[in-house]
């Protein structure tokens, strides 16, 4: 199933104060209220043989799955926005057993937050097979992460960006398992409780392939640097 979950958030340290999560099929956000029309079933996921088969359907409002306070702090600091496309695997008990990113937002923090939050909050009526029995099915949707812009006059006078260098490294094994995750800030270990490395968020991620299409082991390094220097006169 496809639709759009919109997560608008405010960075508290900057004094911003508006947002809410909204599900919708269009790319625009008409208001901060929550609206979650039921999207149409995704073609090809469920095969109906005798009228009893159906895909998993949300019990709770998809617009409530992602909230203002969920915006990752590092994404706010970096002013990252984007759309995360995902697929949830739903078991016969209606619970989410896995979350897969089908299209990245371009921000690791936003992708990780999406698949960390949805399995905890999304609730479903399980899909049914051709005989009307609960079965494994899937649900697809998107989350749009948006930071509303506020007038500069609303920012506190004490706001100041400090130089910082963040580095995250991890290895993607041929089977998609993330290993050897490491994260530092200004050369010092980043607090483990604040880390959002793949080792903490994902059991499996999409593996890399060689020229022949075979899974290979790859090391990923993500660098984020803020510099402050004298401006020319």
C-alpha atoms as a PDB file:
ATOM      1  CA  UNK A   1       0.000   0.000   0.000  1.00  0.00           C
ATOM      2  CA  UNK A   2       1.222   3.459  -0.760  1.00  0.00           C
ATOM      3  CA  UNK A   3       0.584   6.833   0.693  1.00  0.00           C
ATOM      4  CA  UNK A   4       2.615   9.453   2.475  1.00  0.00           C
ATOM      5  CA  UNK A   5       3.388   9.987   6.141  1.00  0.00           C
ATOM      6  CA  UNK A   6       4.620  13.514   6.769  1.00  0.00           C
ATOM      7  CA  UNK A   7       6.834  14.197   9.773  1.00  0.00           C
ATOM      8  CA  UNK A   8       7.453  17.904  10.387  1.00  0.00           C
ATOM      9  CA  UNK A   9       9.711  18.705  13.314  1.00  0.00           C
ATOM     10  CA  UNK A  10      11.315  21.598  15.097  1.00  0.00           C
ATOM     11  CA  UNK A  11      14.791  21.759  16.590  1.00  0.00           C
ATOM     12  CA  UNK A  12      14.148  22.665  20.247  1.00  0.00           C
ATOM     13  CA  UNK A  13      17.573  24.211  20.638  1.00  0.00           C
ATOM     14  CA  UNK A  14      16.689  26.748  17.964  1.00  0.00           C
ATOM     15  CA  UNK A  15      13.368  27.713  19.537  1.00  0.00           C
ATOM     16  CA  UNK A  16      11.120  26.378  16.784  1.00  0.00           C
ATOM     17  CA  UNK A  17       7.625  25.415  17.817  1.00  0.00           C
ATOM     18  CA  UNK A  18       5.342  23.914  15.124  1.00  0.00           C
ATOM     19  CA  UNK A  19       4.864  20.495  13.655  1.00  0.00           C
ATOM     20  CA  UNK A  20       2.877  17.313  13.558  1.00  0.00           C
ATOM     21  CA  UNK A  21       2.843  14.074  11.648  1.00  0.00           C
ATOM     22  CA  UNK A  22       0.469  13.831   8.714  1.00  0.00           C
ATOM     23  CA  UNK A  23      -0.346  11.012   6.329  1.00  0.00           C
ATOM     24  CA  UNK A  24      -1.371  11.949   2.832  1.00  0.00           C
ATOM     25  CA  UNK A  25      -1.002  10.822  -0.757  1.00  0.00           C
ATOM     26  CA  UNK A  26       0.129  14.216  -2.135  1.00  0.00           C
ATOM     27  CA  UNK A  27       3.478  15.950  -1.593  1.00  0.00           C
ATOM     28  CA  UNK A  28       1.992  19.110  -0.100  1.00  0.00           C
ATOM     29  CA  UNK A  29       1.075  19.670   3.548  1.00  0.00           C
ATOM     30  CA  UNK A  30      -2.187  21.644   3.705  1.00  0.00           C
ATOM     31  CA  UNK A  31      -2.275  21.911   7.508  1.00  0.00           C
ATOM     32  CA  UNK A  32      -0.624  20.529  10.646  1.00  0.00           C
ATOM     33  CA  UNK A  33      -3.622  18.298  11.359  1.00  0.00           C
ATOM     34  CA  UNK A  34      -3.364  14.513  11.006  1.00  0.00           C
ATOM     35  CA  UNK A  35      -5.098  12.877   8.063  1.00  0.00           C
ATOM     36  CA  UNK A  36      -4.592   9.304   6.945  1.00  0.00           C
ATOM     37  CA  UNK A  37      -6.838   8.169   4.069  1.00  0.00           C
ATOM     38  CA  UNK A  38      -6.549   4.467   3.370  1.00  0.00           C
ATOM     39  CA  UNK A  39      -4.231   4.047   0.346  1.00  0.00           C
ATOM     40  CA  UNK A  40      -5.069   1.517  -2.354  1.00  0.00           C
ATOM     41  CA  UNK A  41      -3.467  -1.953  -2.234  1.00  0.00           C
ATOM     42  CA  UNK A  42      -0.123  -2.185  -3.988  1.00  0.00           C
ATOM     43  CA  UNK A  43      -0.505  -4.202  -7.224  1.00  0.00           C
ATOM     44  CA  UNK A  44       1.005  -7.654  -7.164  1.00  0.00           C
ATOM     45  CA  UNK A  45       1.320  -8.073  -3.395  1.00  0.00           C
ATOM     46  CA  UNK A  46      -1.900 -10.028  -2.802  1.00  0.00           C
ATOM     47  CA  UNK A  47      -3.392 -12.523  -5.266  1.00  0.00           C
ATOM     48  CA  UNK A  48      -7.141 -12.946  -4.793  1.00  0.00           C
ATOM     49  CA  UNK A  49      -8.412 -16.401  -5.747  1.00  0.00           C
ATOM     50  CA  UNK A  50     -11.766 -16.672  -4.023  1.00  0.00           C
ATOM     51  CA  UNK A  51     -12.424 -13.230  -2.604  1.00  0.00           C
ATOM     52  CA  UNK A  52     -10.946 -13.936   0.851  1.00  0.00           C
ATOM     53  CA  UNK A  53      -7.349 -12.886   0.305  1.00  0.00           C
ATOM     54  CA  UNK A  54      -6.271  -9.373   1.283  1.00  0.00           C
ATOM     55  CA  UNK A  55      -3.176  -7.499   2.369  1.00  0.00           C
ATOM     56  CA  UNK A  56      -2.405  -6.216   5.856  1.00  0.00           C
ATOM     57  CA  UNK A  57      -4.312  -3.043   6.761  1.00  0.00           C
ATOM     58  CA  UNK A  58      -3.302  -0.475   9.421  1.00  0.00           C
ATOM     59  CA  UNK A  59      -5.312  -0.420  12.641  1.00  0.00           C
ATOM     60  CA  UNK A  60      -3.807   2.801  13.951  1.00  0.00           C
ATOM     61  CA  UNK A  61      -3.573   6.025  11.958  1.00  0.00           C
ATOM     62  CA  UNK A  62      -0.318   5.997   9.914  1.00  0.00           C
ATOM     63  CA  UNK A  63      -0.089   9.730  10.577  1.00  0.00           C
ATOM     64  CA  UNK A  64       0.486   8.966  14.271  1.00  0.00           C
ATOM     65  CA  UNK A  65       3.466   6.685  13.702  1.00  0.00           C
ATOM     66  CA  UNK A  66       6.024   9.500  13.410  1.00  0.00           C
ATOM     67  CA  UNK A  67       5.864  12.571  15.643  1.00  0.00           C
ATOM     68  CA  UNK A  68       7.515  15.954  15.961  1.00  0.00           C
ATOM     69  CA  UNK A  69       9.766  14.852  18.814  1.00  0.00           C
ATOM     70  CA  UNK A  70      11.103  11.947  16.708  1.00  0.00           C
ATOM     71  CA  UNK A  71      13.170  14.140  14.382  1.00  0.00           C
ATOM     72  CA  UNK A  72      16.781  12.887  14.754  1.00  0.00           C
ATOM     73  CA  UNK A  73      18.954  15.551  16.440  1.00  0.00           C
ATOM     74  CA  UNK A  74      21.799  15.084  13.960  1.00  0.00           C
ATOM     75  CA  UNK A  75      19.407  15.576  11.026  1.00  0.00           C
ATOM     76  CA  UNK A  76      18.166  18.800  12.622  1.00  0.00           C
ATOM     77  CA  UNK A  77      21.709  20.038  13.159  1.00  0.00           C
ATOM     78  CA  UNK A  78      22.531  19.272   9.520  1.00  0.00           C
ATOM     79  CA  UNK A  79      19.171  20.678   8.303  1.00  0.00           C
ATOM     80  CA  UNK A  80      18.422  17.372   6.582  1.00  0.00           C
ATOM     81  CA  UNK A  81      15.004  16.770   5.026  1.00  0.00           C
ATOM     82  CA  UNK A  82      13.782  14.064   2.680  1.00  0.00           C
ATOM     83  CA  UNK A  83      11.397  11.254   1.829  1.00  0.00           C
ATOM     84  CA  UNK A  84      12.002   7.714   3.083  1.00  0.00           C
ATOM     85  CA  UNK A  85      10.202   4.920   1.221  1.00  0.00           C
ATOM     86  CA  UNK A  86       9.797   1.764   3.282  1.00  0.00           C
ATOM     87  CA  UNK A  87       8.243  -1.691   3.280  1.00  0.00           C
ATOM     88  CA  UNK A  88       7.037  -3.390   6.461  1.00  0.00           C
ATOM     89  CA  UNK A  89       6.787  -7.174   6.667  1.00  0.00           C
ATOM     90  CA  UNK A  90       3.667  -8.098   8.649  1.00  0.00           C
ATOM     91  CA  UNK A  91       3.388 -11.494  10.358  1.00  0.00           C
ATOM     92  CA  UNK A  92       0.199 -13.566  10.739  1.00  0.00           C
ATOM     93  CA  UNK A  93      -0.231 -11.983  14.196  1.00  0.00           C
ATOM     94  CA  UNK A  94      -0.412  -8.490  12.679  1.00  0.00           C
ATOM     95  CA  UNK A  95       2.931  -7.435  14.143  1.00  0.00           C
ATOM     96  CA  UNK A  96       5.761  -5.873  12.149  1.00  0.00           C
ATOM     97  CA  UNK A  97       8.570  -8.408  11.805  1.00  0.00           C
ATOM     98  CA  UNK A  98      10.899  -6.367   9.592  1.00  0.00           C
ATOM     99  CA  UNK A  99      11.347  -2.919   8.072  1.00  0.00           C
ATOM    100  CA  UNK A 100      13.098  -2.383   4.754  1.00  0.00           C
ATOM    101  CA  UNK A 101      14.158   0.945   3.230  1.00  0.00           C
ATOM    102  CA  UNK A 102      13.148   0.803  -0.444  1.00  0.00           C
ATOM    103  CA  UNK A 103      14.287   4.343  -1.298  1.00  0.00           C
ATOM    104  CA  UNK A 104      16.619   6.411   0.881  1.00  0.00           C
ATOM    105  CA  UNK A 105      16.045  10.022   1.888  1.00  0.00           C
ATOM    106  CA  UNK A 106      19.750  10.658   1.403  1.00  0.00           C
ATOM    107  CA  UNK A 107      20.162  10.986   5.171  1.00  0.00           C
ATOM    108  CA  UNK A 108      21.242   7.953   7.170  1.00  0.00           C
ATOM    109  CA  UNK A 109      19.736   9.461  10.333  1.00  0.00           C
ATOM    110  CA  UNK A 110      16.282   9.883   8.735  1.00  0.00           C
ATOM    111  CA  UNK A 111      16.359   6.394   7.200  1.00  0.00           C
ATOM    112  CA  UNK A 112      17.375   4.825  10.504  1.00  0.00           C
ATOM    113  CA  UNK A 113      14.752   6.749  12.481  1.00  0.00           C
ATOM    114  CA  UNK A 114      12.034   5.554  10.098  1.00  0.00           C
ATOM    115  CA  UNK A 115      12.822   1.862  10.529  1.00  0.00           C
ATOM    116  CA  UNK A 116      13.422   2.256  14.262  1.00  0.00           C
ATOM    117  CA  UNK A 117      10.049   3.875  14.968  1.00  0.00           C
ATOM    118  CA  UNK A 118       7.638   2.058  12.655  1.00  0.00           C
ATOM    119  CA  UNK A 119       8.040  -1.491  14.033  1.00  0.00           C
ATOM    120  CA  UNK A 120       7.335  -0.074  17.512  1.00  0.00           C
ATOM    121  CA  UNK A 121       4.215   1.897  16.591  1.00  0.00           C
ATOM    122  CA  UNK A 122       2.597   0.503  13.463  1.00  0.00           C
ATOM    123  CA  UNK A 123      -0.307  -1.876  14.161  1.00  0.00           C
ATOM    124  CA  UNK A 124      -2.117  -3.979  11.569  1.00  0.00           C
ATOM    125  CA  UNK A 125      -4.879  -6.380  10.819  1.00  0.00           C
ATOM    126  CA  UNK A 126      -2.929  -9.278   9.301  1.00  0.00           C
ATOM    127  CA  UNK A 127      -3.153 -10.174   5.651  1.00  0.00           C
ATOM    128  CA  UNK A 128      -5.236 -13.205   4.654  1.00  0.00           C
ATOM    129  CA  UNK A 129      -4.445 -15.948   2.164  1.00  0.00           C
ATOM    130  CA  UNK A 130      -6.882 -17.301  -0.437  1.00  0.00           C
ATOM    131  CA  UNK A 131      -8.582 -19.416   2.250  1.00  0.00           C
ATOM    132  CA  UNK A 132      -9.044 -16.492   4.598  1.00  0.00           C
ATOM    133  CA  UNK A 133      -6.255 -17.553   6.966  1.00  0.00           C
ATOM    134  CA  UNK A 134      -3.796 -15.020   8.496  1.00  0.00           C
ATOM    135  CA  UNK A 135      -0.549 -15.001   6.553  1.00  0.00           C
ATOM    136  CA  UNK A 136       2.655 -13.028   6.048  1.00  0.00           C
ATOM    137  CA  UNK A 137       2.123  -9.876   3.972  1.00  0.00           C
ATOM    138  CA  UNK A 138       3.656  -6.436   3.468  1.00  0.00           C
ATOM    139  CA  UNK A 139       2.759  -2.756   3.670  1.00  0.00           C
ATOM    140  CA  UNK A 140       4.549  -0.002   1.741  1.00  0.00           C
ATOM    141  CA  UNK A 141       4.442   3.731   2.363  1.00  0.00           C
ATOM    142  CA  UNK A 142       6.655   6.807   2.672  1.00  0.00           C
ATOM    143  CA  UNK A 143       7.659   9.224   5.418  1.00  0.00           C
ATOM    144  CA  UNK A 144       8.371  12.832   4.469  1.00  0.00           C
ATOM    145  CA  UNK A 145      10.606  14.508   7.039  1.00  0.00           C
ATOM    146  CA  UNK A 146      10.195  18.302   6.976  1.00  0.00           C
ATOM    147  CA  UNK A 147      11.719  21.028   9.144  1.00  0.00           C
ATOM    148  CA  UNK A 148       9.432  24.104   9.078  1.00  0.00           C
ATOM    149  CA  UNK A 149      11.394  27.307   8.655  1.00  0.00           C
ATOM    150  CA  UNK A 150      10.782  30.058  11.197  1.00  0.00           C
ATOM    151  CA  UNK A 151      11.762  33.753  11.085  1.00  0.00           C
ATOM    152  CA  UNK A 152      15.320  34.433  12.215  1.00  0.00           C
ATOM    153  CA  UNK A 153      13.943  36.802  14.861  1.00  0.00           C
ATOM    154  CA  UNK A 154      12.589  33.763  16.731  1.00  0.00           C
ATOM    155  CA  UNK A 155      16.092  32.364  17.294  1.00  0.00           C
ATOM    156  CA  UNK A 156      17.685  32.975  20.689  1.00  0.00           C
ATOM    157  CA  UNK A 157      20.511  35.490  20.707  1.00  0.00           C
ATOM    158  CA  UNK A 158      22.851  32.940  22.265  1.00  0.00           C
ATOM    159  CA  UNK A 159      22.604  30.548  19.295  1.00  0.00           C
ATOM    160  CA  UNK A 160      26.011  29.753  17.831  1.00  0.00           C
ATOM    161  CA  UNK A 161      27.362  26.956  15.644  1.00  0.00           C
ATOM    162  CA  UNK A 162      30.531  25.356  16.975  1.00  0.00           C
ATOM    163  CA  UNK A 163      33.151  23.506  14.909  1.00  0.00           C
ATOM    164  CA  UNK A 164      32.638  19.758  14.979  1.00  0.00           C
ATOM    165  CA  UNK A 165      33.732  16.675  13.075  1.00  0.00           C
ATOM    166  CA  UNK A 166      31.669  13.500  13.190  1.00  0.00           C
ATOM    167  CA  UNK A 167      32.686  10.215  11.617  1.00  0.00           C
ATOM    168  CA  UNK A 168      30.730   6.974  11.379  1.00  0.00           C
ATOM    169  CA  UNK A 169      32.146   3.782   9.896  1.00  0.00           C
ATOM    170  CA  UNK A 170      30.641   0.340   9.476  1.00  0.00           C
ATOM    171  CA  UNK A 171      31.046  -2.799   7.382  1.00  0.00           C
ATOM    172  CA  UNK A 172      28.267  -4.293   5.284  1.00  0.00           C
ATOM    173  CA  UNK A 173      28.740  -8.048   5.115  1.00  0.00           C
ATOM    174  CA  UNK A 174      27.750 -10.012   1.952  1.00  0.00           C
ATOM    175  CA  UNK A 175      24.554 -11.187   3.699  1.00  0.00           C
ATOM    176  CA  UNK A 176      23.575  -7.590   4.542  1.00  0.00           C
ATOM    177  CA  UNK A 177      24.572  -7.725   8.227  1.00  0.00           C
ATOM    178  CA  UNK A 178      26.106  -4.437   9.498  1.00  0.00           C
ATOM    179  CA  UNK A 179      29.247  -5.016  11.603  1.00  0.00           C
ATOM    180  CA  UNK A 180      32.228  -3.124  13.070  1.00  0.00           C
ATOM    181  CA  UNK A 181      30.244   0.056  13.651  1.00  0.00           C
ATOM    182  CA  UNK A 182      32.193   2.982  15.064  1.00  0.00           C
ATOM    183  CA  UNK A 183      31.211   6.613  15.658  1.00  0.00           C
ATOM    184  CA  UNK A 184      33.352   9.498  16.892  1.00  0.00           C
ATOM    185  CA  UNK A 185      32.939  13.236  17.489  1.00  0.00           C
ATOM    186  CA  UNK A 186      36.061  15.424  17.341  1.00  0.00           C
ATOM    187  CA  UNK A 187      38.145  12.261  17.579  1.00  0.00           C
ATOM    188  CA  UNK A 188      36.448  11.038  20.770  1.00  0.00           C
ATOM    189  CA  UNK A 189      34.042   8.061  20.985  1.00  0.00           C
ATOM    190  CA  UNK A 190      30.461   9.193  20.482  1.00  0.00           C
ATOM    191  CA  UNK A 191      28.136   8.207  23.387  1.00  0.00           C
ATOM    192  CA  UNK A 192      26.729   4.757  22.642  1.00  0.00           C
ATOM    193  CA  UNK A 193      23.272   5.693  23.941  1.00  0.00           C
ATOM    194  CA  UNK A 194      23.049   8.490  21.347  1.00  0.00           C
ATOM    195  CA  UNK A 195      24.502   6.556  18.438  1.00  0.00           C
ATOM    196  CA  UNK A 196      22.258   5.632  15.518  1.00  0.00           C
ATOM    197  CA  UNK A 197      24.749   3.435  13.702  1.00  0.00           C
ATOM    198  CA  UNK A 198      23.410   0.574  11.530  1.00  0.00           C
ATOM    199  CA  UNK A 199      24.572  -1.964  14.130  1.00  0.00           C
ATOM    200  CA  UNK A 200      22.095  -0.476  16.612  1.00  0.00           C
ATOM    201  CA  UNK A 201      19.235   0.094  14.175  1.00  0.00           C
ATOM    202  CA  UNK A 202      19.247  -2.671  11.551  1.00  0.00           C
ATOM    203  CA  UNK A 203      19.563  -6.445  11.611  1.00  0.00           C
ATOM    204  CA  UNK A 204      20.021  -6.450   7.839  1.00  0.00           C
ATOM    205  CA  UNK A 205      20.615  -3.770   5.207  1.00  0.00           C
ATOM    206  CA  UNK A 206      20.957  -3.906   1.434  1.00  0.00           C
ATOM    207  CA  UNK A 207      24.334  -5.517   0.571  1.00  0.00           C
ATOM    208  CA  UNK A 208      26.728  -4.165  -2.053  1.00  0.00           C
ATOM    209  CA  UNK A 209      27.254  -6.075  -5.295  1.00  0.00           C
ATOM    210  CA  UNK A 210      30.293  -6.532  -7.507  1.00  0.00           C
ATOM    211  CA  UNK A 211      30.296  -6.170 -11.296  1.00  0.00           C
ATOM    212  CA  UNK A 212      28.860  -9.695 -11.642  1.00  0.00           C
ATOM    213  CA  UNK A 213      26.019  -9.036  -9.217  1.00  0.00           C
ATOM    214  CA  UNK A 214      27.538 -11.048  -6.364  1.00  0.00           C
ATOM    215  CA  UNK A 215      27.280  -9.685  -2.787  1.00  0.00           C
ATOM    216  CA  UNK A 216      30.612  -8.348  -1.511  1.00  0.00           C
ATOM    217  CA  UNK A 217      31.921  -6.985   1.774  1.00  0.00           C
ATOM    218  CA  UNK A 218      32.205  -3.190   1.899  1.00  0.00           C
ATOM    219  CA  UNK A 219      33.293  -0.634   4.490  1.00  0.00           C
ATOM    220  CA  UNK A 220      31.259   2.598   4.635  1.00  0.00           C
ATOM    221  CA  UNK A 221      32.593   5.872   6.082  1.00  0.00           C
ATOM    222  CA  UNK A 222      30.331   8.880   6.646  1.00  0.00           C
ATOM    223  CA  UNK A 223      31.972  12.217   7.500  1.00  0.00           C
ATOM    224  CA  UNK A 224      30.227  15.344   8.771  1.00  0.00           C
ATOM    225  CA  UNK A 225      32.251  18.487   9.413  1.00  0.00           C
ATOM    226  CA  UNK A 226      31.352  22.014  10.547  1.00  0.00           C
ATOM    227  CA  UNK A 227      34.083  24.666  10.256  1.00  0.00           C
ATOM    228  CA  UNK A 228      34.131  28.235  11.569  1.00  0.00           C
ATOM    229  CA  UNK A 229      36.725  30.588  10.066  1.00  0.00           C
ATOM    230  CA  UNK A 230      37.413  34.278   9.532  1.00  0.00           C
ATOM    231  CA  UNK A 231      35.330  35.809   6.763  1.00  0.00           C
ATOM    232  CA  UNK A 232      37.075  38.036   4.196  1.00  0.00           C
ATOM    233  CA  UNK A 233      36.454  41.777   4.565  1.00  0.00           C
END
